[in-house]
Amino acid sequence: MSCALFPGSFDPFHNGHLEVVERAGRLFDEVVVAVLRNPQKAEPLFSAAEREEMLTEAVAHLHNVRIVSVSTLVVAVARDVGATAIVKGLRAVSDFENELQMAQMNRQLSGVETLFIPTSSAYSFIASRLLREVARYGGDVTSFVPKAVLARLDKRFPQ
């Protein structure tokens, strides 16, 4: 059975992320989406438990996807879940530079390969940090996030 790991902070999870999960789900028998705490980023908008709940609801239609929440090295998570690949979404060339370096480090540490999935142009401009800002100031993010995420953003930033 083939298993891929899709790690990220997902704060919040958006339609670009969902597209990558759906496409990975067609390539692998199982996709494990790992909600991570990224110490290089500011304090998250949503707790890990909240992000895990949103993700579970957003991918409920995908029967080969499961969600985990962890705070360790990605390669350790890959080993623990039996992943043979790490999946990463790419929006632009700038993403590739950073992701390539991480992929090379992960391969050196564990031998696990990284598969890059470019997002479609419909999602290439969506970033969680932009969504947080737009939602915070009352902008409409309806077309950028799954309904489960929109409900929580609306609750966090009532109009």
N, C-alpha and C. Protein backbone atom coordinates (compact mmCIF):
# COMPACT_ATOMS: atom_id res chain seq x y z
N MET A 1 0.85 -1.18 0.00
CA MET A 1 0.00 0.00 0.00
C MET A 1 0.89 1.24 0.00
N SER A 2 0.64 2.17 -0.91
CA SER A 2 1.43 3.39 -0.98
C SER A 2 0.80 4.47 -0.11
N CYS A 3 1.67 5.20 0.58
CA CYS A 3 1.21 6.24 1.50
C CYS A 3 2.04 7.48 1.30
N ALA A 4 1.37 8.63 1.23
CA ALA A 4 2.05 9.92 1.11
C ALA A 4 1.70 10.78 2.32
N LEU A 5 2.65 11.60 2.70
CA LEU A 5 2.46 12.55 3.78
C LEU A 5 2.38 13.95 3.20
N PHE A 6 1.33 14.69 3.56
CA PHE A 6 1.19 16.09 3.15
C PHE A 6 1.25 16.94 4.41
N PRO A 7 2.43 17.49 4.74
CA PRO A 7 2.57 18.27 5.96
C PRO A 7 2.36 19.76 5.72
N GLY A 8 1.91 20.45 6.75
CA GLY A 8 1.76 21.89 6.65
C GLY A 8 1.18 22.46 7.92
N SER A 9 1.24 23.78 8.03
CA SER A 9 0.62 24.42 9.20
C SER A 9 -0.88 24.60 8.97
N PHE A 10 -1.30 24.78 7.72
CA PHE A 10 -2.73 24.84 7.35
C PHE A 10 -3.50 25.81 8.26
N ASP A 11 -3.02 27.04 8.34
CA ASP A 11 -3.62 28.02 9.25
C ASP A 11 -4.08 29.27 8.50
N PRO A 12 -5.20 29.20 7.78
CA PRO A 12 -6.11 28.07 7.68
C PRO A 12 -5.89 27.24 6.41
N PHE A 13 -6.50 26.07 6.41
CA PHE A 13 -6.55 25.19 5.25
C PHE A 13 -7.39 25.88 4.18
N HIS A 14 -6.94 25.85 2.92
CA HIS A 14 -7.67 26.54 1.86
C HIS A 14 -7.84 25.63 0.64
N ASN A 15 -8.50 26.15 -0.38
CA ASN A 15 -8.82 25.33 -1.55
C ASN A 15 -7.58 24.89 -2.34
N GLY A 16 -6.51 25.63 -2.26
CA GLY A 16 -5.25 25.19 -2.88
C GLY A 16 -4.72 23.95 -2.19
N HIS A 17 -4.78 23.95 -0.85
CA HIS A 17 -4.39 22.76 -0.09
C HIS A 17 -5.30 21.58 -0.46
N LEU A 18 -6.60 21.86 -0.51
CA LEU A 18 -7.56 20.80 -0.81
C LEU A 18 -7.28 20.18 -2.18
N GLU A 19 -6.96 21.01 -3.15
CA GLU A 19 -6.64 20.49 -4.48
C GLU A 19 -5.44 19.54 -4.41
N VAL A 20 -4.41 19.89 -3.68
CA VAL A 20 -3.23 19.03 -3.56
C VAL A 20 -3.60 17.70 -2.89
N VAL A 21 -4.41 17.75 -1.84
CA VAL A 21 -4.84 16.52 -1.16
C VAL A 21 -5.63 15.63 -2.12
N GLU A 22 -6.56 16.22 -2.85
CA GLU A 22 -7.37 15.44 -3.79
C GLU A 22 -6.51 14.80 -4.87
N ARG A 23 -5.58 15.55 -5.41
CA ARG A 23 -4.71 15.01 -6.47
C ARG A 23 -3.78 13.93 -5.92
N ALA A 24 -3.24 14.15 -4.73
CA ALA A 24 -2.39 13.12 -4.10
C ALA A 24 -3.20 11.87 -3.81
N GLY A 25 -4.46 12.06 -3.45
CA GLY A 25 -5.34 10.92 -3.17
C GLY A 25 -5.58 10.04 -4.39
N ARG A 26 -5.42 10.59 -5.57
CA ARG A 26 -5.55 9.80 -6.80
C ARG A 26 -4.25 9.06 -7.13
N LEU A 27 -3.14 9.51 -6.55
CA LEU A 27 -1.83 8.92 -6.83
C LEU A 27 -1.40 7.88 -5.80
N PHE A 28 -1.92 8.00 -4.59
CA PHE A 28 -1.51 7.12 -3.50
C PHE A 28 -2.72 6.42 -2.89
N ASP A 29 -2.48 5.26 -2.30
CA ASP A 29 -3.56 4.53 -1.63
C ASP A 29 -4.05 5.28 -0.40
N GLU A 30 -3.12 5.94 0.28
CA GLU A 30 -3.48 6.71 1.48
C GLU A 30 -2.70 8.01 1.49
N VAL A 31 -3.35 9.08 1.94
CA VAL A 31 -2.69 10.37 2.14
C VAL A 31 -2.91 10.75 3.60
N VAL A 32 -1.81 11.01 4.29
CA VAL A 32 -1.88 11.46 5.67
C VAL A 32 -1.55 12.95 5.66
N VAL A 33 -2.50 13.76 6.09
CA VAL A 33 -2.30 15.20 6.18
C VAL A 33 -1.87 15.49 7.61
N ALA A 34 -0.67 16.07 7.75
CA ALA A 34 -0.12 16.34 9.07
C ALA A 34 -0.17 17.82 9.39
N VAL A 35 -0.92 18.16 10.40
CA VAL A 35 -1.00 19.54 10.89
C VAL A 35 0.21 19.76 11.79
N LEU A 36 1.07 20.68 11.38
CA LEU A 36 2.31 20.94 12.09
C LEU A 36 2.31 22.32 12.71
N ARG A 37 3.06 22.48 13.74
CA ARG A 37 3.34 23.81 14.32
C ARG A 37 4.66 24.24 13.72
N ASN A 38 4.65 25.32 12.96
CA ASN A 38 5.85 25.84 12.34
C ASN A 38 6.43 26.94 13.21
N PRO A 39 7.56 26.67 13.89
CA PRO A 39 8.13 27.67 14.80
C PRO A 39 8.65 28.91 14.08
N GLN A 40 8.79 28.85 12.75
CA GLN A 40 9.26 30.00 11.99
C GLN A 40 8.13 30.98 11.69
N LYS A 41 6.91 30.56 11.95
CA LYS A 41 5.75 31.42 11.69
C LYS A 41 5.24 32.01 12.99
N ALA A 42 4.47 33.08 12.86
CA ALA A 42 3.89 33.75 14.03
C ALA A 42 2.90 32.81 14.72
N GLU A 43 2.42 33.26 15.87
CA GLU A 43 1.42 32.48 16.61
C GLU A 43 0.25 32.16 15.69
N PRO A 44 -0.19 30.90 15.65
CA PRO A 44 -1.26 30.53 14.72
C PRO A 44 -2.60 31.17 15.09
N LEU A 45 -3.41 31.37 14.06
CA LEU A 45 -4.77 31.88 14.25
C LEU A 45 -5.64 30.82 14.93
N PHE A 46 -5.49 29.58 14.48
CA PHE A 46 -6.26 28.45 15.01
C PHE A 46 -5.33 27.47 15.71
N SER A 47 -5.82 26.88 16.78
CA SER A 47 -5.04 25.86 17.49
C SER A 47 -4.89 24.63 16.59
N ALA A 48 -3.96 23.77 16.94
CA ALA A 48 -3.76 22.54 16.17
C ALA A 48 -5.04 21.70 16.18
N ALA A 49 -5.72 21.65 17.30
CA ALA A 49 -6.97 20.88 17.39
C ALA A 49 -8.04 21.47 16.48
N GLU A 50 -8.14 22.80 16.43
CA GLU A 50 -9.11 23.44 15.54
C GLU A 50 -8.77 23.17 14.08
N ARG A 51 -7.49 23.26 13.73
CA ARG A 51 -7.09 22.99 12.35
C ARG A 51 -7.36 21.55 11.98
N GLU A 52 -7.11 20.64 12.92
CA GLU A 52 -7.39 19.22 12.66
C GLU A 52 -8.88 19.00 12.41
N GLU A 53 -9.74 19.64 13.20
CA GLU A 53 -11.19 19.54 13.01
C GLU A 53 -11.62 20.08 11.65
N MET A 54 -11.10 21.26 11.28
CA MET A 54 -11.45 21.85 9.98
C MET A 54 -11.02 20.95 8.84
N LEU A 55 -9.82 20.41 8.93
CA LEU A 55 -9.32 19.52 7.89
C LEU A 55 -10.17 18.27 7.78
N THR A 56 -10.51 17.69 8.91
CA THR A 56 -11.33 16.47 8.91
C THR A 56 -12.65 16.72 8.18
N GLU A 57 -13.27 17.86 8.45
CA GLU A 57 -14.52 18.20 7.78
C GLU A 57 -14.30 18.49 6.29
N ALA A 58 -13.23 19.18 5.97
CA ALA A 58 -12.96 19.59 4.58
C ALA A 58 -12.63 18.40 3.67
N VAL A 59 -12.07 17.34 4.22
CA VAL A 59 -11.69 16.19 3.40
C VAL A 59 -12.58 14.97 3.65
N ALA A 60 -13.71 15.18 4.28
CA ALA A 60 -14.61 14.07 4.61
C ALA A 60 -15.04 13.28 3.37
N HIS A 61 -15.06 13.91 2.21
CA HIS A 61 -15.46 13.24 0.97
C HIS A 61 -14.35 12.34 0.41
N LEU A 62 -13.17 12.39 0.99
CA LEU A 62 -12.03 11.59 0.52
C LEU A 62 -11.80 10.44 1.50
N HIS A 63 -12.04 9.24 1.05
CA HIS A 63 -12.01 8.09 1.96
C HIS A 63 -10.61 7.52 2.20
N ASN A 64 -9.63 8.01 1.49
CA ASN A 64 -8.26 7.52 1.69
C ASN A 64 -7.35 8.58 2.33
N VAL A 65 -7.97 9.52 3.05
CA VAL A 65 -7.21 10.60 3.69
C VAL A 65 -7.46 10.54 5.19
N ARG A 66 -6.38 10.67 5.95
CA ARG A 66 -6.53 10.82 7.40
C ARG A 66 -5.69 11.98 7.87
N ILE A 67 -6.07 12.52 9.01
CA ILE A 67 -5.45 13.73 9.55
C ILE A 67 -4.73 13.38 10.86
N VAL A 68 -3.52 13.91 11.01
CA VAL A 68 -2.80 13.79 12.27
C VAL A 68 -2.28 15.17 12.65
N SER A 69 -2.03 15.37 13.92
CA SER A 69 -1.47 16.62 14.41
C SER A 69 -0.20 16.28 15.16
N VAL A 70 0.90 16.89 14.77
CA VAL A 70 2.20 16.53 15.35
C VAL A 70 3.08 17.76 15.53
N SER A 71 4.10 17.60 16.36
CA SER A 71 5.10 18.66 16.51
C SER A 71 6.48 18.01 16.59
N THR A 72 6.92 17.53 15.45
CA THR A 72 8.23 16.88 15.34
C THR A 72 8.72 17.05 13.91
N LEU A 73 9.85 16.47 13.60
CA LEU A 73 10.38 16.53 12.24
C LEU A 73 9.44 15.82 11.27
N VAL A 74 9.30 16.39 10.10
CA VAL A 74 8.45 15.80 9.06
C VAL A 74 8.90 14.38 8.73
N VAL A 75 10.20 14.15 8.66
CA VAL A 75 10.68 12.81 8.33
C VAL A 75 10.32 11.79 9.41
N ALA A 76 10.24 12.22 10.66
CA ALA A 76 9.82 11.33 11.73
C ALA A 76 8.35 10.96 11.57
N VAL A 77 7.54 11.94 11.18
CA VAL A 77 6.12 11.67 10.93
C VAL A 77 5.98 10.71 9.74
N ALA A 78 6.75 10.97 8.68
CA ALA A 78 6.70 10.09 7.50
C ALA A 78 7.02 8.66 7.90
N ARG A 79 8.04 8.48 8.70
CA ARG A 79 8.41 7.14 9.16
C ARG A 79 7.28 6.52 9.99
N ASP A 80 6.74 7.30 10.92
CA ASP A 80 5.71 6.80 11.82
C ASP A 80 4.44 6.37 11.10
N VAL A 81 4.08 7.07 10.02
CA VAL A 81 2.85 6.73 9.30
C VAL A 81 3.11 5.79 8.12
N GLY A 82 4.37 5.47 7.88
CA GLY A 82 4.70 4.56 6.78
C GLY A 82 4.67 5.21 5.41
N ALA A 83 4.90 6.51 5.35
CA ALA A 83 4.85 7.22 4.06
C ALA A 83 6.12 6.94 3.25
N THR A 84 5.94 6.72 1.98
CA THR A 84 7.07 6.54 1.07
C THR A 84 7.38 7.84 0.33
N ALA A 85 6.51 8.83 0.49
CA ALA A 85 6.72 10.12 -0.17
C ALA A 85 6.12 11.23 0.68
N ILE A 86 6.71 12.40 0.54
CA ILE A 86 6.18 13.63 1.12
C ILE A 86 5.64 14.44 -0.05
N VAL A 87 4.41 14.90 0.06
CA VAL A 87 3.78 15.68 -1.00
C VAL A 87 3.80 17.15 -0.59
N LYS A 88 4.20 18.00 -1.52
CA LYS A 88 4.20 19.44 -1.29
C LYS A 88 3.57 20.13 -2.49
N GLY A 89 2.72 21.11 -2.22
CA GLY A 89 2.12 21.90 -3.29
C GLY A 89 2.99 23.09 -3.62
N LEU A 90 3.04 23.41 -4.89
CA LEU A 90 3.81 24.57 -5.34
C LEU A 90 2.88 25.56 -6.03
N ARG A 91 2.97 26.84 -5.64
CA ARG A 91 2.18 27.88 -6.29
C ARG A 91 3.00 28.64 -7.30
N ALA A 92 4.28 28.86 -6.98
CA ALA A 92 5.13 29.70 -7.82
C ALA A 92 6.58 29.24 -7.70
N VAL A 93 7.43 29.81 -8.53
CA VAL A 93 8.85 29.48 -8.50
C VAL A 93 9.44 29.77 -7.12
N SER A 94 8.98 30.82 -6.47
CA SER A 94 9.50 31.16 -5.15
C SER A 94 9.24 30.04 -4.14
N ASP A 95 8.12 29.33 -4.26
CA ASP A 95 7.85 28.17 -3.40
C ASP A 95 8.88 27.07 -3.66
N PHE A 96 9.21 26.88 -4.94
CA PHE A 96 10.11 25.79 -5.31
C PHE A 96 11.47 25.93 -4.65
N GLU A 97 12.01 27.13 -4.60
CA GLU A 97 13.34 27.32 -4.02
C GLU A 97 13.39 26.85 -2.57
N ASN A 98 12.42 27.22 -1.79
CA ASN A 98 12.37 26.82 -0.39
C ASN A 98 12.06 25.33 -0.24
N GLU A 99 11.08 24.86 -0.99
CA GLU A 99 10.66 23.46 -0.89
C GLU A 99 11.74 22.50 -1.37
N LEU A 100 12.51 22.89 -2.38
CA LEU A 100 13.59 22.04 -2.87
C LEU A 100 14.62 21.81 -1.78
N GLN A 101 14.98 22.85 -1.09
CA GLN A 101 15.96 22.73 -0.02
C GLN A 101 15.46 21.79 1.08
N MET A 102 14.19 21.93 1.46
CA MET A 102 13.61 21.04 2.46
C MET A 102 13.56 19.60 1.96
N ALA A 103 13.20 19.41 0.67
CA ALA A 103 13.13 18.08 0.10
C ALA A 103 14.49 17.40 0.12
N GLN A 104 15.52 18.15 -0.20
CA GLN A 104 16.86 17.59 -0.19
C GLN A 104 17.30 17.21 1.22
N MET A 105 17.00 18.05 2.19
CA MET A 105 17.33 17.74 3.58
C MET A 105 16.56 16.51 4.05
N ASN A 106 15.27 16.45 3.75
CA ASN A 106 14.46 15.31 4.16
C ASN A 106 14.97 14.01 3.55
N ARG A 107 15.38 14.06 2.30
CA ARG A 107 15.91 12.87 1.63
C ARG A 107 17.22 12.43 2.28
N GLN A 108 18.08 13.38 2.60
CA GLN A 108 19.35 13.05 3.26
C GLN A 108 19.10 12.43 4.64
N LEU A 109 18.12 12.95 5.35
CA LEU A 109 17.83 12.47 6.70
C LEU A 109 17.17 11.10 6.71
N SER A 110 16.34 10.83 5.71
CA SER A 110 15.50 9.64 5.80
C SER A 110 15.39 8.79 4.55
N GLY A 111 15.80 9.33 3.41
CA GLY A 111 15.61 8.59 2.16
C GLY A 111 14.23 8.76 1.56
N VAL A 112 13.35 9.49 2.24
CA VAL A 112 11.99 9.69 1.74
C VAL A 112 12.02 10.75 0.63
N GLU A 113 11.39 10.43 -0.48
CA GLU A 113 11.33 11.34 -1.62
C GLU A 113 10.22 12.36 -1.42
N THR A 114 10.34 13.50 -2.08
CA THR A 114 9.30 14.53 -2.07
C THR A 114 8.73 14.66 -3.48
N LEU A 115 7.43 14.68 -3.56
CA LEU A 115 6.72 14.86 -4.82
C LEU A 115 6.10 16.25 -4.81
N PHE A 116 6.43 17.06 -5.80
CA PHE A 116 5.86 18.40 -5.91
C PHE A 116 4.65 18.36 -6.82
N ILE A 117 3.54 18.93 -6.35
CA ILE A 117 2.32 19.02 -7.13
C ILE A 117 2.02 20.51 -7.34
N PRO A 118 2.14 20.98 -8.58
CA PRO A 118 1.83 22.40 -8.82
C PRO A 118 0.31 22.62 -8.74
N THR A 119 -0.07 23.68 -8.05
CA THR A 119 -1.50 23.99 -7.98
C THR A 119 -1.96 24.55 -9.32
N SER A 120 -3.24 24.42 -9.57
CA SER A 120 -3.78 25.01 -10.79
C SER A 120 -3.76 26.53 -10.66
N SER A 121 -3.83 27.20 -11.77
CA SER A 121 -3.76 28.67 -11.75
C SER A 121 -4.89 29.29 -10.93
N ALA A 122 -5.99 28.58 -10.79
CA ALA A 122 -7.12 29.09 -10.01
C ALA A 122 -6.76 29.28 -8.54
N TYR A 123 -5.74 28.56 -8.07
CA TYR A 123 -5.36 28.62 -6.66
C TYR A 123 -3.94 29.13 -6.43
N SER A 124 -3.24 29.50 -7.46
CA SER A 124 -1.81 29.81 -7.33
C SER A 124 -1.53 31.06 -6.50
N PHE A 125 -2.49 31.90 -6.30
CA PHE A 125 -2.26 33.14 -5.53
C PHE A 125 -2.74 33.02 -4.09
N ILE A 126 -3.39 31.92 -3.73
CA ILE A 126 -3.94 31.78 -2.38
C ILE A 126 -2.84 31.38 -1.40
N ALA A 127 -2.76 32.11 -0.32
CA ALA A 127 -1.83 31.81 0.77
C ALA A 127 -2.57 32.00 2.09
N SER A 128 -2.31 31.13 3.04
CA SER A 128 -2.98 31.22 4.33
C SER A 128 -2.79 32.57 4.99
N ARG A 129 -1.60 33.13 4.91
CA ARG A 129 -1.34 34.43 5.55
C ARG A 129 -2.21 35.52 4.92
N LEU A 130 -2.42 35.46 3.59
CA LEU A 130 -3.28 36.44 2.93
C LEU A 130 -4.74 36.25 3.35
N LEU A 131 -5.16 35.00 3.45
CA LEU A 131 -6.54 34.72 3.86
C LEU A 131 -6.81 35.24 5.27
N ARG A 132 -5.85 35.05 6.16
CA ARG A 132 -6.03 35.57 7.53
C ARG A 132 -6.20 37.08 7.52
N GLU A 133 -5.41 37.75 6.71
CA GLU A 133 -5.48 39.21 6.65
C GLU A 133 -6.79 39.69 6.03
N VAL A 134 -7.19 39.09 4.94
CA VAL A 134 -8.44 39.47 4.28
C VAL A 134 -9.62 39.24 5.21
N ALA A 135 -9.66 38.07 5.86
CA ALA A 135 -10.77 37.75 6.77
C ALA A 135 -10.78 38.70 7.97
N ARG A 136 -9.60 38.99 8.50
CA ARG A 136 -9.49 39.88 9.67
C ARG A 136 -10.10 41.25 9.39
N TYR A 137 -9.93 41.74 8.15
CA TYR A 137 -10.43 43.07 7.80
C TYR A 137 -11.76 43.05 7.06
N GLY A 138 -12.48 41.94 7.17
CA GLY A 138 -13.83 41.88 6.66
C GLY A 138 -13.98 41.54 5.19
N GLY A 139 -12.92 41.11 4.55
CA GLY A 139 -13.01 40.72 3.14
C GLY A 139 -13.68 39.36 2.98
N ASP A 140 -14.20 39.12 1.81
CA ASP A 140 -14.92 37.88 1.52
C ASP A 140 -13.94 36.81 1.02
N VAL A 141 -13.77 35.74 1.78
CA VAL A 141 -12.88 34.64 1.40
C VAL A 141 -13.65 33.37 1.02
N THR A 142 -14.94 33.53 0.79
CA THR A 142 -15.81 32.40 0.50
C THR A 142 -15.29 31.49 -0.61
N SER A 143 -14.79 32.06 -1.68
CA SER A 143 -14.37 31.24 -2.81
C SER A 143 -12.97 30.65 -2.64
N PHE A 144 -12.31 30.93 -1.54
CA PHE A 144 -10.94 30.47 -1.34
C PHE A 144 -10.79 29.33 -0.34
N VAL A 145 -11.81 29.07 0.45
CA VAL A 145 -11.70 28.07 1.53
C VAL A 145 -12.89 27.13 1.53
N PRO A 146 -12.70 25.89 2.03
CA PRO A 146 -13.83 24.98 2.21
C PRO A 146 -14.83 25.55 3.22
N LYS A 147 -16.07 25.10 3.16
CA LYS A 147 -17.13 25.62 4.02
C LYS A 147 -16.80 25.50 5.51
N ALA A 148 -16.17 24.39 5.89
CA ALA A 148 -15.81 24.18 7.30
C ALA A 148 -14.86 25.27 7.79
N VAL A 149 -13.96 25.69 6.94
CA VAL A 149 -13.00 26.73 7.29
C VAL A 149 -13.68 28.08 7.30
N LEU A 150 -14.53 28.34 6.32
CA LEU A 150 -15.26 29.61 6.25
C LEU A 150 -16.08 29.83 7.52
N ALA A 151 -16.75 28.81 7.99
CA ALA A 151 -17.57 28.93 9.20
C ALA A 151 -16.73 29.36 10.40
N ARG A 152 -15.55 28.80 10.52
CA ARG A 152 -14.68 29.15 11.65
C ARG A 152 -14.07 30.54 11.48
N LEU A 153 -13.74 30.91 10.27
CA LEU A 153 -13.23 32.27 10.03
C LEU A 153 -14.30 33.30 10.34
N ASP A 154 -15.55 33.02 9.94
CA ASP A 154 -16.66 33.93 10.22
C ASP A 154 -16.89 34.08 11.72
N LYS A 155 -16.69 32.98 12.45
CA LYS A 155 -16.86 33.02 13.89
C LYS A 155 -15.70 33.79 14.55
N ARG A 156 -14.52 33.62 14.02
CA ARG A 156 -13.33 34.28 14.58
C ARG A 156 -13.35 35.79 14.28
N PHE A 157 -13.86 36.15 13.08
CA PHE A 157 -13.90 37.55 12.67
C PHE A 157 -15.32 37.93 12.28
N PRO A 158 -16.21 38.06 13.26
CA PRO A 158 -17.61 38.41 12.94
C PRO A 158 -17.71 39.79 12.30
N GLN A 159 -18.63 39.94 11.37
CA GLN A 159 -18.80 41.21 10.66
C GLN A 159 -19.85 42.06 11.33
